Each structure stands twice: as structure tokens, then as C-alpha cells.
Amino acid sequence: MRLPDNRTIPPINTRKSILTIRLSILAICLISLLGTGKAMAIGLQVNSSTNISSDRVTVSNDRATVTSDRATISREQAITIAKQGQASKVLKVKMQQRSSGSVYHVKLLTNEGRVKQVTVNAMSGQIEHKQ
């Protein structure tokens, strides 16, 4: 079929196949993005690879692997380390993920009425910061 300016409209089958290819590529991209985003949201590292050949695109996500910054120190152990044998009341304990690993932020109220904040490394149990 020709338009008034001598352009031709591709046959319907060609338009459908182009649309099908575009939708397939979009679906592959969305699936790979959603899979990666879901893994990152829960603090996992995903190894993914993409292979492109002349006739097809293959996207594969390996199993999500937990990074090595998983806490080996429990919440209770972090509190004990933060107290350092001194009598004090726990006000708040919060775990935070950092690029260097996980830490516990422990906020204590001492018997003298002072608020003390201690950061404990969740892997090693070492005190990283004390206020």
C-alpha cells in the first residue's frame, strides 16, 4: 500500500512481528530489572550476565548469594559488648547495613544519667565508635 507521498506501509504481518520483538525485549528487560531490584531491596548481591548473539538475546540471573557482611554477633551480644560490664539501661538498638558491613547502634542510659551511644561491628564484635 502506498501513501500520497510515495511511502509504503509494511504489511500487517511485518508490523505484528516488529511489535512482538519489541514487546519480547521489553519483557526481558523488565524481568531482569525486577529480579535485580528485588534482590537489592533485601540486601542480596545478584550475579547476572547477558549474552547477545545475532539472532537472540539471553538474560540469565544466577542464584542470589548473601554477601559476607551477614551479622555473626547477635543483638544481645552487641548489647553486652556495648555495656562493657557497666550497669546501664538499654534505650535503643538498631542494626544498619553499610558497604563495609553491618553494625549495631546501641544507645544506653548510664546510672549517672548520661546517654551513651556505642557502634558495634556485627561481624567482629569490636567497638567502632563510642560517644
N, C-alpha and C. Protein backbone atom coordinates (compact mmCIF):
# COMPACT_ATOMS: atom_id res chain seq x y z
N MET A 1 0.84 -1.17 0.00
CA MET A 1 0.00 0.00 0.00
C MET A 1 0.89 1.24 0.00
N ARG A 2 0.54 2.23 -0.82
CA ARG A 2 1.32 3.46 -0.93
C ARG A 2 0.54 4.63 -0.37
N LEU A 3 1.28 5.50 0.31
CA LEU A 3 0.70 6.74 0.82
C LEU A 3 0.86 7.83 -0.24
N PRO A 4 0.17 8.97 -0.08
CA PRO A 4 0.29 10.04 -1.08
C PRO A 4 1.72 10.52 -1.30
N ASP A 5 2.61 10.44 -0.31
CA ASP A 5 3.98 10.91 -0.50
C ASP A 5 4.93 9.78 -0.93
N ASN A 6 4.38 8.73 -1.52
CA ASN A 6 5.12 7.58 -2.06
C ASN A 6 5.79 6.70 -1.00
N ARG A 7 5.44 6.87 0.29
CA ARG A 7 5.94 5.93 1.31
C ARG A 7 5.04 4.70 1.29
N THR A 8 5.61 3.58 1.67
CA THR A 8 4.80 2.37 1.74
C THR A 8 4.60 1.96 3.18
N ILE A 9 3.47 1.39 3.47
CA ILE A 9 3.17 0.85 4.79
C ILE A 9 3.53 -0.62 4.75
N PRO A 10 4.32 -1.08 5.72
CA PRO A 10 4.66 -2.50 5.70
C PRO A 10 3.41 -3.35 5.91
N PRO A 11 3.42 -4.56 5.40
CA PRO A 11 2.26 -5.44 5.59
C PRO A 11 1.98 -5.65 7.08
N ILE A 12 0.76 -6.00 7.39
CA ILE A 12 0.34 -6.17 8.78
C ILE A 12 1.19 -7.21 9.49
N ASN A 13 1.53 -8.31 8.84
CA ASN A 13 2.34 -9.35 9.47
C ASN A 13 3.70 -8.81 9.90
N THR A 14 4.30 -7.94 9.11
CA THR A 14 5.60 -7.36 9.46
C THR A 14 5.46 -6.45 10.67
N ARG A 15 4.40 -5.63 10.69
CA ARG A 15 4.19 -4.75 11.84
C ARG A 15 3.97 -5.56 13.11
N LYS A 16 3.22 -6.66 13.01
CA LYS A 16 2.98 -7.51 14.18
C LYS A 16 4.28 -8.13 14.67
N SER A 17 5.12 -8.58 13.75
CA SER A 17 6.37 -9.21 14.18
C SER A 17 7.31 -8.19 14.82
N ILE A 18 7.34 -6.96 14.31
CA ILE A 18 8.16 -5.92 14.93
C ILE A 18 7.64 -5.62 16.33
N LEU A 19 6.33 -5.52 16.46
CA LEU A 19 5.72 -5.27 17.77
C LEU A 19 6.02 -6.43 18.73
N THR A 20 5.94 -7.65 18.23
CA THR A 20 6.23 -8.82 19.07
C THR A 20 7.68 -8.80 19.55
N ILE A 21 8.60 -8.45 18.68
CA ILE A 21 10.02 -8.38 19.06
C ILE A 21 10.23 -7.30 20.11
N ARG A 22 9.62 -6.13 19.90
CA ARG A 22 9.77 -5.04 20.87
C ARG A 22 9.19 -5.43 22.23
N LEU A 23 8.02 -6.07 22.23
CA LEU A 23 7.42 -6.50 23.49
C LEU A 23 8.27 -7.57 24.18
N SER A 24 8.86 -8.46 23.40
CA SER A 24 9.71 -9.50 23.98
C SER A 24 10.94 -8.90 24.64
N ILE A 25 11.57 -7.94 23.96
CA ILE A 25 12.75 -7.28 24.53
C ILE A 25 12.37 -6.51 25.79
N LEU A 26 11.23 -5.82 25.74
CA LEU A 26 10.75 -5.09 26.92
C LEU A 26 10.49 -6.04 28.08
N ALA A 27 9.87 -7.18 27.80
CA ALA A 27 9.59 -8.16 28.86
C ALA A 27 10.88 -8.69 29.47
N ILE A 28 11.87 -8.99 28.65
CA ILE A 28 13.16 -9.48 29.16
C ILE A 28 13.82 -8.43 30.05
N CYS A 29 13.79 -7.18 29.60
CA CYS A 29 14.39 -6.10 30.39
C CYS A 29 13.68 -5.92 31.72
N LEU A 30 12.34 -5.94 31.70
CA LEU A 30 11.58 -5.78 32.94
C LEU A 30 11.82 -6.93 33.91
N ILE A 31 11.85 -8.14 33.40
CA ILE A 31 12.08 -9.29 34.27
C ILE A 31 13.46 -9.21 34.92
N SER A 32 14.48 -8.85 34.14
CA SER A 32 15.82 -8.76 34.72
C SER A 32 15.92 -7.61 35.70
N LEU A 33 15.27 -6.48 35.41
CA LEU A 33 15.31 -5.35 36.35
C LEU A 33 14.55 -5.66 37.63
N LEU A 34 13.38 -6.27 37.52
CA LEU A 34 12.61 -6.59 38.71
C LEU A 34 13.33 -7.61 39.57
N GLY A 35 13.94 -8.60 38.96
CA GLY A 35 14.69 -9.59 39.72
C GLY A 35 15.85 -8.97 40.47
N THR A 36 16.60 -8.10 39.81
CA THR A 36 17.73 -7.44 40.44
C THR A 36 17.27 -6.50 41.53
N GLY A 37 16.22 -5.72 41.28
CA GLY A 37 15.71 -4.78 42.28
C GLY A 37 15.23 -5.48 43.52
N LYS A 38 14.53 -6.60 43.34
CA LYS A 38 14.03 -7.34 44.49
C LYS A 38 15.18 -7.86 45.34
N ALA A 39 16.22 -8.36 44.69
CA ALA A 39 17.37 -8.86 45.43
C ALA A 39 18.09 -7.75 46.17
N MET A 40 18.25 -6.61 45.53
CA MET A 40 18.93 -5.49 46.18
C MET A 40 18.12 -4.96 47.35
N ALA A 41 16.80 -5.00 47.22
CA ALA A 41 15.95 -4.48 48.28
C ALA A 41 16.12 -5.27 49.57
N ILE A 42 16.46 -6.54 49.49
CA ILE A 42 16.64 -7.32 50.71
C ILE A 42 18.11 -7.53 51.05
N GLY A 43 18.97 -6.76 50.41
CA GLY A 43 20.38 -6.76 50.78
C GLY A 43 21.18 -7.92 50.22
N LEU A 44 20.76 -8.43 49.08
CA LEU A 44 21.49 -9.53 48.46
C LEU A 44 22.24 -9.04 47.25
N GLN A 45 23.24 -9.78 46.87
CA GLN A 45 24.03 -9.44 45.69
C GLN A 45 23.65 -10.43 44.60
N VAL A 46 23.30 -9.94 43.42
CA VAL A 46 22.90 -10.81 42.32
C VAL A 46 23.96 -10.76 41.24
N ASN A 47 24.39 -11.94 40.81
CA ASN A 47 25.33 -12.02 39.70
C ASN A 47 24.50 -12.25 38.44
N SER A 48 24.55 -11.34 37.49
CA SER A 48 23.77 -11.52 36.27
C SER A 48 24.66 -11.37 35.05
N SER A 49 24.28 -12.05 34.00
CA SER A 49 25.05 -11.97 32.77
C SER A 49 24.10 -11.86 31.59
N THR A 50 24.53 -11.18 30.56
CA THR A 50 23.73 -11.02 29.36
C THR A 50 24.56 -11.47 28.16
N ASN A 51 24.02 -12.37 27.37
CA ASN A 51 24.68 -12.83 26.15
C ASN A 51 23.87 -12.37 24.96
N ILE A 52 24.51 -11.66 24.03
CA ILE A 52 23.81 -11.17 22.85
C ILE A 52 24.45 -11.80 21.63
N SER A 53 23.64 -12.49 20.85
CA SER A 53 24.12 -13.03 19.58
C SER A 53 23.30 -12.39 18.47
N SER A 54 23.62 -12.73 17.23
CA SER A 54 22.96 -12.07 16.11
C SER A 54 21.47 -12.39 16.03
N ASP A 55 21.05 -13.55 16.53
CA ASP A 55 19.65 -13.91 16.37
C ASP A 55 18.84 -13.97 17.66
N ARG A 56 19.49 -13.84 18.84
CA ARG A 56 18.69 -13.86 20.07
C ARG A 56 19.44 -13.22 21.22
N VAL A 57 18.67 -12.85 22.23
CA VAL A 57 19.22 -12.25 23.45
C VAL A 57 18.89 -13.17 24.60
N THR A 58 19.88 -13.51 25.41
CA THR A 58 19.67 -14.37 26.57
C THR A 58 20.09 -13.63 27.82
N VAL A 59 19.18 -13.51 28.77
CA VAL A 59 19.49 -12.88 30.05
C VAL A 59 19.33 -13.93 31.12
N SER A 60 20.38 -14.12 31.93
CA SER A 60 20.28 -15.11 32.99
C SER A 60 20.73 -14.50 34.31
N ASN A 61 19.99 -14.78 35.37
CA ASN A 61 20.37 -14.36 36.72
C ASN A 61 20.75 -15.60 37.51
N ASP A 62 21.98 -15.62 38.01
CA ASP A 62 22.40 -16.73 38.87
C ASP A 62 21.65 -16.61 40.19
N ARG A 63 21.71 -17.64 40.99
CA ARG A 63 21.07 -17.58 42.30
C ARG A 63 21.64 -16.43 43.10
N ALA A 64 20.78 -15.75 43.83
CA ALA A 64 21.23 -14.64 44.67
C ALA A 64 22.11 -15.21 45.78
N THR A 65 23.24 -14.56 46.02
CA THR A 65 24.13 -15.01 47.08
C THR A 65 24.21 -13.96 48.16
N VAL A 66 24.18 -14.39 49.39
CA VAL A 66 24.25 -13.46 50.50
C VAL A 66 25.67 -12.95 50.61
N THR A 67 25.81 -11.63 50.75
CA THR A 67 27.15 -11.06 50.87
C THR A 67 27.75 -11.43 52.22
N SER A 68 29.05 -11.26 52.35
CA SER A 68 29.76 -11.70 53.54
C SER A 68 29.58 -10.78 54.73
N ASP A 69 28.74 -9.73 54.59
CA ASP A 69 28.56 -8.83 55.72
C ASP A 69 27.42 -9.27 56.65
N ARG A 70 27.03 -10.52 56.58
CA ARG A 70 25.98 -11.04 57.47
C ARG A 70 26.48 -10.99 58.92
N ALA A 71 25.61 -10.62 59.82
CA ALA A 71 25.99 -10.46 61.22
C ALA A 71 26.30 -11.81 61.86
N THR A 72 27.42 -11.89 62.57
CA THR A 72 27.73 -13.08 63.35
C THR A 72 27.51 -12.81 64.83
N ILE A 73 27.37 -11.54 65.19
CA ILE A 73 27.11 -11.14 66.57
C ILE A 73 25.61 -10.90 66.72
N SER A 74 25.01 -11.49 67.73
CA SER A 74 23.57 -11.29 67.94
C SER A 74 23.31 -9.92 68.57
N ARG A 75 22.05 -9.55 68.59
CA ARG A 75 21.64 -8.28 69.20
C ARG A 75 22.03 -8.25 70.67
N GLU A 76 21.78 -9.35 71.37
CA GLU A 76 22.10 -9.43 72.80
C GLU A 76 23.60 -9.33 73.05
N GLN A 77 24.40 -9.98 72.19
CA GLN A 77 25.85 -9.90 72.33
C GLN A 77 26.34 -8.47 72.09
N ALA A 78 25.73 -7.77 71.13
CA ALA A 78 26.10 -6.38 70.87
C ALA A 78 25.80 -5.50 72.08
N ILE A 79 24.69 -5.76 72.76
CA ILE A 79 24.34 -5.01 73.97
C ILE A 79 25.36 -5.25 75.06
N THR A 80 25.74 -6.52 75.26
CA THR A 80 26.73 -6.87 76.28
C THR A 80 28.07 -6.19 75.99
N ILE A 81 28.48 -6.21 74.73
CA ILE A 81 29.74 -5.56 74.34
C ILE A 81 29.66 -4.06 74.58
N ALA A 82 28.53 -3.46 74.23
CA ALA A 82 28.37 -2.01 74.38
C ALA A 82 28.38 -1.60 75.85
N LYS A 83 27.79 -2.42 76.72
CA LYS A 83 27.75 -2.09 78.15
C LYS A 83 29.13 -2.18 78.79
N GLN A 84 30.00 -3.04 78.30
CA GLN A 84 31.35 -3.23 78.83
C GLN A 84 31.37 -3.44 80.34
N GLY A 85 30.45 -4.25 80.84
CA GLY A 85 30.42 -4.57 82.26
C GLY A 85 29.87 -3.47 83.15
N GLN A 86 29.47 -2.35 82.60
CA GLN A 86 28.91 -1.26 83.41
C GLN A 86 27.39 -1.40 83.45
N ALA A 87 26.82 -1.11 84.63
CA ALA A 87 25.37 -1.17 84.76
C ALA A 87 24.75 0.00 83.99
N SER A 88 23.89 -0.31 83.06
CA SER A 88 23.20 0.72 82.29
C SER A 88 21.93 0.13 81.69
N LYS A 89 21.03 1.02 81.29
CA LYS A 89 19.75 0.61 80.72
C LYS A 89 19.79 0.82 79.21
N VAL A 90 19.30 -0.16 78.46
CA VAL A 90 19.28 -0.07 77.00
C VAL A 90 18.08 0.78 76.57
N LEU A 91 18.37 1.85 75.83
CA LEU A 91 17.31 2.71 75.32
C LEU A 91 16.87 2.29 73.92
N LYS A 92 17.86 1.93 73.09
CA LYS A 92 17.54 1.61 71.69
C LYS A 92 18.68 0.81 71.08
N VAL A 93 18.33 -0.17 70.24
CA VAL A 93 19.32 -0.93 69.48
C VAL A 93 18.84 -0.97 68.04
N LYS A 94 19.72 -0.61 67.12
CA LYS A 94 19.36 -0.59 65.70
C LYS A 94 20.50 -1.20 64.90
N MET A 95 20.16 -2.06 63.95
CA MET A 95 21.17 -2.64 63.07
C MET A 95 21.17 -1.87 61.76
N GLN A 96 22.36 -1.59 61.24
CA GLN A 96 22.48 -0.83 60.00
C GLN A 96 23.41 -1.56 59.04
N GLN A 97 23.00 -1.63 57.77
CA GLN A 97 23.84 -2.21 56.73
C GLN A 97 24.70 -1.10 56.14
N ARG A 98 25.98 -1.32 56.08
CA ARG A 98 26.92 -0.39 55.45
C ARG A 98 27.64 -1.12 54.34
N SER A 99 28.30 -0.37 53.48
CA SER A 99 29.07 -1.01 52.41
C SER A 99 30.23 -1.83 52.99
N SER A 100 30.72 -1.41 54.16
CA SER A 100 31.83 -2.13 54.80
C SER A 100 31.35 -3.28 55.68
N GLY A 101 30.05 -3.43 55.87
CA GLY A 101 29.49 -4.49 56.70
C GLY A 101 28.42 -3.96 57.63
N SER A 102 27.81 -4.85 58.39
CA SER A 102 26.73 -4.48 59.30
C SER A 102 27.28 -3.99 60.63
N VAL A 103 26.54 -3.07 61.26
CA VAL A 103 26.89 -2.58 62.59
C VAL A 103 25.61 -2.47 63.43
N TYR A 104 25.79 -2.56 64.74
CA TYR A 104 24.71 -2.29 65.69
C TYR A 104 24.96 -0.93 66.32
N HIS A 105 23.92 -0.11 66.38
CA HIS A 105 23.97 1.16 67.10
C HIS A 105 23.22 0.92 68.41
N VAL A 106 23.92 1.01 69.53
CA VAL A 106 23.33 0.75 70.84
C VAL A 106 23.32 2.06 71.62
N LYS A 107 22.14 2.46 72.07
CA LYS A 107 22.00 3.68 72.88
C LYS A 107 21.69 3.25 74.31
N LEU A 108 22.54 3.68 75.25
CA LEU A 108 22.43 3.28 76.66
C LEU A 108 22.22 4.50 77.55
N LEU A 109 21.56 4.28 78.68
CA LEU A 109 21.43 5.29 79.73
C LEU A 109 22.21 4.77 80.93
N THR A 110 23.29 5.48 81.30
CA THR A 110 24.13 5.04 82.42
C THR A 110 23.45 5.36 83.75
N ASN A 111 23.97 4.76 84.83
CA ASN A 111 23.43 5.02 86.17
C ASN A 111 23.64 6.47 86.59
N GLU A 112 24.60 7.14 85.96
CA GLU A 112 24.84 8.56 86.25
C GLU A 112 23.88 9.47 85.49
N GLY A 113 23.01 8.90 84.67
CA GLY A 113 22.03 9.68 83.92
C GLY A 113 22.53 10.17 82.57
N ARG A 114 23.67 9.68 82.10
CA ARG A 114 24.21 10.10 80.80
C ARG A 114 23.77 9.12 79.71
N VAL A 115 23.51 9.66 78.52
CA VAL A 115 23.18 8.82 77.37
C VAL A 115 24.48 8.52 76.63
N LYS A 116 24.70 7.24 76.37
CA LYS A 116 25.92 6.78 75.73
C LYS A 116 25.54 6.05 74.44
N GLN A 117 26.19 6.40 73.33
CA GLN A 117 25.94 5.73 72.06
C GLN A 117 27.18 4.95 71.65
N VAL A 118 26.99 3.67 71.36
CA VAL A 118 28.10 2.80 71.00
C VAL A 118 27.77 2.10 69.69
N THR A 119 28.74 2.07 68.77
CA THR A 119 28.59 1.36 67.50
C THR A 119 29.45 0.10 67.55
N VAL A 120 28.81 -1.06 67.38
CA VAL A 120 29.48 -2.36 67.47
C VAL A 120 29.46 -3.02 66.09
N ASN A 121 30.63 -3.46 65.62
CA ASN A 121 30.73 -4.17 64.35
C ASN A 121 30.02 -5.52 64.50
N ALA A 122 29.07 -5.81 63.61
CA ALA A 122 28.27 -7.02 63.71
C ALA A 122 29.02 -8.28 63.30
N MET A 123 30.15 -8.14 62.63
CA MET A 123 30.95 -9.30 62.24
C MET A 123 31.98 -9.65 63.31
N SER A 124 32.72 -8.64 63.76
CA SER A 124 33.84 -8.89 64.67
C SER A 124 33.50 -8.67 66.14
N GLY A 125 32.46 -7.88 66.41
CA GLY A 125 32.13 -7.55 67.79
C GLY A 125 32.96 -6.42 68.37
N GLN A 126 33.80 -5.81 67.55
CA GLN A 126 34.64 -4.71 68.03
C GLN A 126 33.83 -3.41 68.08
N ILE A 127 34.17 -2.57 69.06
CA ILE A 127 33.52 -1.27 69.17
C ILE A 127 34.17 -0.34 68.14
N GLU A 128 33.33 0.22 67.25
CA GLU A 128 33.84 1.11 66.21
C GLU A 128 33.77 2.57 66.62
N HIS A 129 32.77 2.90 67.44
CA HIS A 129 32.58 4.30 67.83
C HIS A 129 31.88 4.34 69.18
N LYS A 130 32.31 5.27 70.00
CA LYS A 130 31.70 5.43 71.32
C LYS A 130 31.52 6.91 71.58
N GLN A 131 30.33 7.30 72.07
CA GLN A 131 30.04 8.70 72.41
C GLN A 131 29.55 8.78 73.82
